[in-house]
Amino acid sequence: MLEGNPELKAAFKKVVMVRESVNIDYILTYKLDSLGLVKLVGNDVVPRCELYRQYFYERL
């Protein structure tokens, strides 16, 4: 899903590259949340789990 949508891939890359929560476009937030890749922290997002951060950090 990420490979087919460069904008979504870039947004998720932004999320996994930093240690703190990130504010991204609300539509991209909704899509990433629907895929189960992120969780909401107020208006920001973080990876759903540390394993996702480690895995995607190396691959994005």
PDB file of N, CA and C in Angstrom:
ATOM      1  N   MET A   1       0.834  -1.194   0.000  1.00  0.00           N
ATOM      2  CA  MET A   1       0.000   0.000   0.000  1.00  0.00           C
ATOM      3  C   MET A   1       0.879   1.258   0.000  1.00  0.00           C
ATOM      4  N   LEU A   2       1.962   1.238   0.773  1.00  0.00           N
ATOM      5  CA  LEU A   2       2.846   2.409   0.841  1.00  0.00           C
ATOM      6  C   LEU A   2       3.584   2.623  -0.472  1.00  0.00           C
ATOM      7  N   GLU A   3       4.019   1.539  -1.099  1.00  0.00           N
ATOM      8  CA  GLU A   3       4.749   1.661  -2.365  1.00  0.00           C
ATOM      9  C   GLU A   3       3.881   2.262  -3.460  1.00  0.00           C
ATOM     10  N   GLY A   4       2.601   1.996  -3.422  1.00  0.00           N
ATOM     11  CA  GLY A   4       1.686   2.498  -4.443  1.00  0.00           C
ATOM     12  C   GLY A   4       1.227   3.924  -4.211  1.00  0.00           C
ATOM     13  N   ASN A   5       1.569   4.490  -3.066  1.00  0.00           N
ATOM     14  CA  ASN A   5       1.127   5.844  -2.739  1.00  0.00           C
ATOM     15  C   ASN A   5       2.319   6.626  -2.168  1.00  0.00           C
ATOM     16  N   PRO A   6       3.060   7.331  -3.029  1.00  0.00           N
ATOM     17  CA  PRO A   6       4.263   8.044  -2.576  1.00  0.00           C
ATOM     18  C   PRO A   6       4.005   9.066  -1.464  1.00  0.00           C
ATOM     19  N   GLU A   7       2.866   9.716  -1.501  1.00  0.00           N
ATOM     20  CA  GLU A   7       2.546  10.717  -0.475  1.00  0.00           C
ATOM     21  C   GLU A   7       2.359  10.043   0.892  1.00  0.00           C
ATOM     22  N   LEU A   8       1.687   8.908   0.894  1.00  0.00           N
ATOM     23  CA  LEU A   8       1.477   8.152   2.126  1.00  0.00           C
ATOM     24  C   LEU A   8       2.802   7.588   2.636  1.00  0.00           C
ATOM     25  N   LYS A   9       3.622   7.109   1.730  1.00  0.00           N
ATOM     26  CA  LYS A   9       4.937   6.576   2.089  1.00  0.00           C
ATOM     27  C   LYS A   9       5.806   7.668   2.713  1.00  0.00           C
ATOM     28  N   ALA A  10       5.801   8.853   2.132  1.00  0.00           N
ATOM     29  CA  ALA A  10       6.592   9.972   2.657  1.00  0.00           C
ATOM     30  C   ALA A  10       6.112  10.376   4.050  1.00  0.00           C
ATOM     31  N   ALA A  11       4.804  10.377   4.254  1.00  0.00           N
ATOM     32  CA  ALA A  11       4.255  10.736   5.561  1.00  0.00           C
ATOM     33  C   ALA A  11       4.663   9.711   6.620  1.00  0.00           C
ATOM     34  N   PHE A  12       4.597   8.426   6.288  1.00  0.00           N
ATOM     35  CA  PHE A  12       4.977   7.399   7.245  1.00  0.00           C
ATOM     36  C   PHE A  12       6.478   7.421   7.509  1.00  0.00           C
ATOM     37  N   LYS A  13       7.245   7.726   6.486  1.00  0.00           N
ATOM     38  CA  LYS A  13       8.694   7.848   6.666  1.00  0.00           C
ATOM     39  C   LYS A  13       9.000   8.959   7.668  1.00  0.00           C
ATOM     40  N   LYS A  14       8.264  10.061   7.558  1.00  0.00           N
ATOM     41  CA  LYS A  14       8.429  11.173   8.499  1.00  0.00           C
ATOM     42  C   LYS A  14       8.130  10.720   9.926  1.00  0.00           C
ATOM     43  N   VAL A  15       7.136   9.873  10.090  1.00  0.00           N
ATOM     44  CA  VAL A  15       6.746   9.381  11.415  1.00  0.00           C
ATOM     45  C   VAL A  15       7.822   8.477  12.009  1.00  0.00           C
ATOM     46  N   VAL A  16       8.380   7.567  11.209  1.00  0.00           N
ATOM     47  CA  VAL A  16       9.331   6.605  11.763  1.00  0.00           C
ATOM     48  C   VAL A  16      10.743   7.158  11.919  1.00  0.00           C
ATOM     49  N   MET A  17      11.055   8.264  11.286  1.00  0.00           N
ATOM     50  CA  MET A  17      12.409   8.805  11.344  1.00  0.00           C
ATOM     51  C   MET A  17      12.693   9.629  12.597  1.00  0.00           C
ATOM     52  N   VAL A  18      11.663   9.979  13.354  1.00  0.00           N
ATOM     53  CA  VAL A  18      11.857  10.775  14.569  1.00  0.00           C
ATOM     54  C   VAL A  18      11.337   9.996  15.779  1.00  0.00           C
ATOM     55  N   ARG A  19      11.806  10.359  16.948  1.00  0.00           N
ATOM     56  CA  ARG A  19      11.417   9.660  18.190  1.00  0.00           C
ATOM     57  C   ARG A  19      10.170  10.260  18.843  1.00  0.00           C
ATOM     58  N   GLU A  20       9.810  11.472  18.495  1.00  0.00           N
ATOM     59  CA  GLU A  20       8.647  12.094  19.118  1.00  0.00           C
ATOM     60  C   GLU A  20       7.444  12.014  18.170  1.00  0.00           C
ATOM     61  N   SER A  21       6.285  12.411  18.668  1.00  0.00           N
ATOM     62  CA  SER A  21       5.086  12.396  17.840  1.00  0.00           C
ATOM     63  C   SER A  21       5.195  13.458  16.750  1.00  0.00           C
ATOM     64  N   VAL A  22       4.511  13.206  15.645  1.00  0.00           N
ATOM     65  CA  VAL A  22       4.601  14.054  14.456  1.00  0.00           C
ATOM     66  C   VAL A  22       3.196  14.481  14.043  1.00  0.00           C
ATOM     67  N   ASN A  23       3.079  15.715  13.608  1.00  0.00           N
ATOM     68  CA  ASN A  23       1.814  16.208  13.084  1.00  0.00           C
ATOM     69  C   ASN A  23       1.869  16.135  11.562  1.00  0.00           C
ATOM     70  N   ILE A  24       0.964  15.335  10.978  1.00  0.00           N
ATOM     71  CA  ILE A  24       0.877  15.234   9.522  1.00  0.00           C
ATOM     72  C   ILE A  24      -0.552  15.535   9.094  1.00  0.00           C
ATOM     73  N   ASP A  25      -0.752  15.676   7.814  1.00  0.00           N
ATOM     74  CA  ASP A  25      -2.065  15.968   7.245  1.00  0.00           C
ATOM     75  C   ASP A  25      -3.111  14.992   7.794  1.00  0.00           C
ATOM     76  N   TYR A  26      -4.294  15.483   8.106  1.00  0.00           N
ATOM     77  CA  TYR A  26      -5.305  14.660   8.742  1.00  0.00           C
ATOM     78  C   TYR A  26      -5.785  13.517   7.843  1.00  0.00           C
ATOM     79  N   ILE A  27      -5.791  13.699   6.551  1.00  0.00           N
ATOM     80  CA  ILE A  27      -6.194  12.617   5.644  1.00  0.00           C
ATOM     81  C   ILE A  27      -5.154  11.500   5.660  1.00  0.00           C
ATOM     82  N   LEU A  28      -3.872  11.880   5.655  1.00  0.00           N
ATOM     83  CA  LEU A  28      -2.805  10.890   5.725  1.00  0.00           C
ATOM     84  C   LEU A  28      -2.810  10.203   7.090  1.00  0.00           C
ATOM     85  N   THR A  29      -3.098  10.952   8.141  1.00  0.00           N
ATOM     86  CA  THR A  29      -3.223  10.374   9.478  1.00  0.00           C
ATOM     87  C   THR A  29      -4.310   9.307   9.485  1.00  0.00           C
ATOM     88  N   TYR A  30      -5.452   9.629   8.908  1.00  0.00           N
ATOM     89  CA  TYR A  30      -6.573   8.685   8.859  1.00  0.00           C
ATOM     90  C   TYR A  30      -6.186   7.420   8.092  1.00  0.00           C
ATOM     91  N   LYS A  31      -5.529   7.584   6.958  1.00  0.00           N
ATOM     92  CA  LYS A  31      -5.141   6.428   6.139  1.00  0.00           C
ATOM     93  C   LYS A  31      -4.128   5.544   6.863  1.00  0.00           C
ATOM     94  N   LEU A  32      -3.118   6.165   7.469  1.00  0.00           N
ATOM     95  CA  LEU A  32      -2.108   5.386   8.196  1.00  0.00           C
ATOM     96  C   LEU A  32      -2.715   4.692   9.414  1.00  0.00           C
ATOM     97  N   ASP A  33      -3.633   5.365  10.079  1.00  0.00           N
ATOM     98  CA  ASP A  33      -4.324   4.763  11.221  1.00  0.00           C
ATOM     99  C   ASP A  33      -5.195   3.601  10.753  1.00  0.00           C
ATOM    100  N   SER A  34      -5.866   3.759   9.629  1.00  0.00           N
ATOM    101  CA  SER A  34      -6.708   2.692   9.090  1.00  0.00           C
ATOM    102  C   SER A  34      -5.893   1.459   8.716  1.00  0.00           C
ATOM    103  N   LEU A  35      -4.645   1.670   8.302  1.00  0.00           N
ATOM    104  CA  LEU A  35      -3.759   0.558   7.969  1.00  0.00           C
ATOM    105  C   LEU A  35      -3.158  -0.094   9.220  1.00  0.00           C
ATOM    106  N   GLY A  36      -3.349   0.547  10.379  1.00  0.00           N
ATOM    107  CA  GLY A  36      -2.818   0.012  11.627  1.00  0.00           C
ATOM    108  C   GLY A  36      -1.350   0.325  11.835  1.00  0.00           C
ATOM    109  N   LEU A  37      -0.824   1.304  11.103  1.00  0.00           N
ATOM    110  CA  LEU A  37       0.599   1.627  11.191  1.00  0.00           C
ATOM    111  C   LEU A  37       0.920   2.662  12.260  1.00  0.00           C
ATOM    112  N   VAL A  38      -0.039   3.491  12.619  1.00  0.00           N
ATOM    113  CA  VAL A  38       0.204   4.550  13.596  1.00  0.00           C
ATOM    114  C   VAL A  38      -0.896   4.559  14.648  1.00  0.00           C
ATOM    115  N   LYS A  39      -0.593   5.242  15.753  1.00  0.00           N
ATOM    116  CA  LYS A  39      -1.622   5.515  16.757  1.00  0.00           C
ATOM    117  C   LYS A  39      -1.617   7.011  17.027  1.00  0.00           C
ATOM    118  N   LEU A  40      -2.760   7.507  17.401  1.00  0.00           N
ATOM    119  CA  LEU A  40      -2.926   8.940  17.635  1.00  0.00           C
ATOM    120  C   LEU A  40      -2.477   9.312  19.034  1.00  0.00           C
ATOM    121  N   VAL A  41      -1.812  10.459  19.111  1.00  0.00           N
ATOM    122  CA  VAL A  41      -1.415  11.065  20.379  1.00  0.00           C
ATOM    123  C   VAL A  41      -1.865  12.515  20.280  1.00  0.00           C
ATOM    124  N   GLY A  42      -3.091  12.765  20.716  1.00  0.00           N
ATOM    125  CA  GLY A  42      -3.669  14.095  20.504  1.00  0.00           C
ATOM    126  C   GLY A  42      -3.898  14.294  19.021  1.00  0.00           C
ATOM    127  N   ASN A  43      -3.315  15.353  18.473  1.00  0.00           N
ATOM    128  CA  ASN A  43      -3.418  15.615  17.035  1.00  0.00           C
ATOM    129  C   ASN A  43      -2.222  15.063  16.257  1.00  0.00           C
ATOM    130  N   ASP A  44      -1.311  14.425  16.949  1.00  0.00           N
ATOM    131  CA  ASP A  44      -0.094  13.897  16.337  1.00  0.00           C
ATOM    132  C   ASP A  44      -0.176  12.376  16.229  1.00  0.00           C
ATOM    133  N   VAL A  45       0.822  11.796  15.576  1.00  0.00           N
ATOM    134  CA  VAL A  45       0.873  10.344  15.440  1.00  0.00           C
ATOM    135  C   VAL A  45       2.258   9.820  15.788  1.00  0.00           C
ATOM    136  N   VAL A  46       2.296   8.566  16.196  1.00  0.00           N
ATOM    137  CA  VAL A  46       3.530   7.823  16.433  1.00  0.00           C
ATOM    138  C   VAL A  46       3.316   6.439  15.824  1.00  0.00           C
ATOM    139  N   PRO A  47       4.395   5.722  15.531  1.00  0.00           N
ATOM    140  CA  PRO A  47       4.210   4.355  15.033  1.00  0.00           C
ATOM    141  C   PRO A  47       3.415   3.521  16.034  1.00  0.00           C
ATOM    142  N   ARG A  48       2.625   2.601  15.541  1.00  0.00           N
ATOM    143  CA  ARG A  48       1.785   1.753  16.403  1.00  0.00           C
ATOM    144  C   ARG A  48       2.629   1.023  17.442  1.00  0.00           C
ATOM    145  N   CYS A  49       3.833   0.576  17.062  1.00  0.00           N
ATOM    146  CA  CYS A  49       4.718  -0.082  18.017  1.00  0.00           C
ATOM    147  C   CYS A  49       6.177   0.157  17.614  1.00  0.00           C
ATOM    148  N   GLU A  50       7.076  -0.064  18.549  1.00  0.00           N
ATOM    149  CA  GLU A  50       8.495   0.170  18.298  1.00  0.00           C
ATOM    150  C   GLU A  50       9.027  -0.741  17.193  1.00  0.00           C
ATOM    151  N   LEU A  51       8.482  -1.935  17.083  1.00  0.00           N
ATOM    152  CA  LEU A  51       8.902  -2.856  16.031  1.00  0.00           C
ATOM    153  C   LEU A  51       8.640  -2.263  14.647  1.00  0.00           C
ATOM    154  N   TYR A  52       7.499  -1.585  14.473  1.00  0.00           N
ATOM    155  CA  TYR A  52       7.211  -0.917  13.195  1.00  0.00           C
ATOM    156  C   TYR A  52       8.245   0.159  12.912  1.00  0.00           C
ATOM    157  N   ARG A  53       8.597   0.922  13.945  1.00  0.00           N
ATOM    158  CA  ARG A  53       9.592   1.984  13.759  1.00  0.00           C
ATOM    159  C   ARG A  53      10.912   1.370  13.274  1.00  0.00           C
ATOM    160  N   GLN A  54      11.368   0.331  13.929  1.00  0.00           N
ATOM    161  CA  GLN A  54      12.641  -0.301  13.567  1.00  0.00           C
ATOM    162  C   GLN A  54      12.587  -0.901  12.166  1.00  0.00           C
ATOM    163  N   TYR A  55      11.531  -1.622  11.867  1.00  0.00           N
ATOM    164  CA  TYR A  55      11.415  -2.283  10.571  1.00  0.00           C
ATOM    165  C   TYR A  55      11.374  -1.274   9.421  1.00  0.00           C
ATOM    166  N   PHE A  56      10.489  -0.294   9.528  1.00  0.00           N
ATOM    167  CA  PHE A  56      10.314   0.657   8.437  1.00  0.00           C
ATOM    168  C   PHE A  56      11.432   1.684   8.368  1.00  0.00           C
ATOM    169  N   TYR A  57      12.093   1.949   9.480  1.00  0.00           N
ATOM    170  CA  TYR A  57      13.233   2.864   9.480  1.00  0.00           C
ATOM    171  C   TYR A  57      14.306   2.341   8.533  1.00  0.00           C
ATOM    172  N   GLU A  58      14.526   1.046   8.545  1.00  0.00           N
ATOM    173  CA  GLU A  58      15.538   0.434   7.695  1.00  0.00           C
ATOM    174  C   GLU A  58      15.092   0.295   6.245  1.00  0.00           C
ATOM    175  N   ARG A  59      13.795   0.257   5.985  1.00  0.00           N
ATOM    176  CA  ARG A  59      13.294  -0.024   4.651  1.00  0.00           C
ATOM    177  C   ARG A  59      12.751   1.184   3.892  1.00  0.00           C
ATOM    178  N   LEU A  60      12.501   2.265   4.583  1.00  0.00           N
ATOM    179  CA  LEU A  60      12.007   3.457   3.889  1.00  0.00           C
ATOM    180  C   LEU A  60      13.178   4.380   3.690  1.00  0.00           C
TER     181      LEU A  60
END
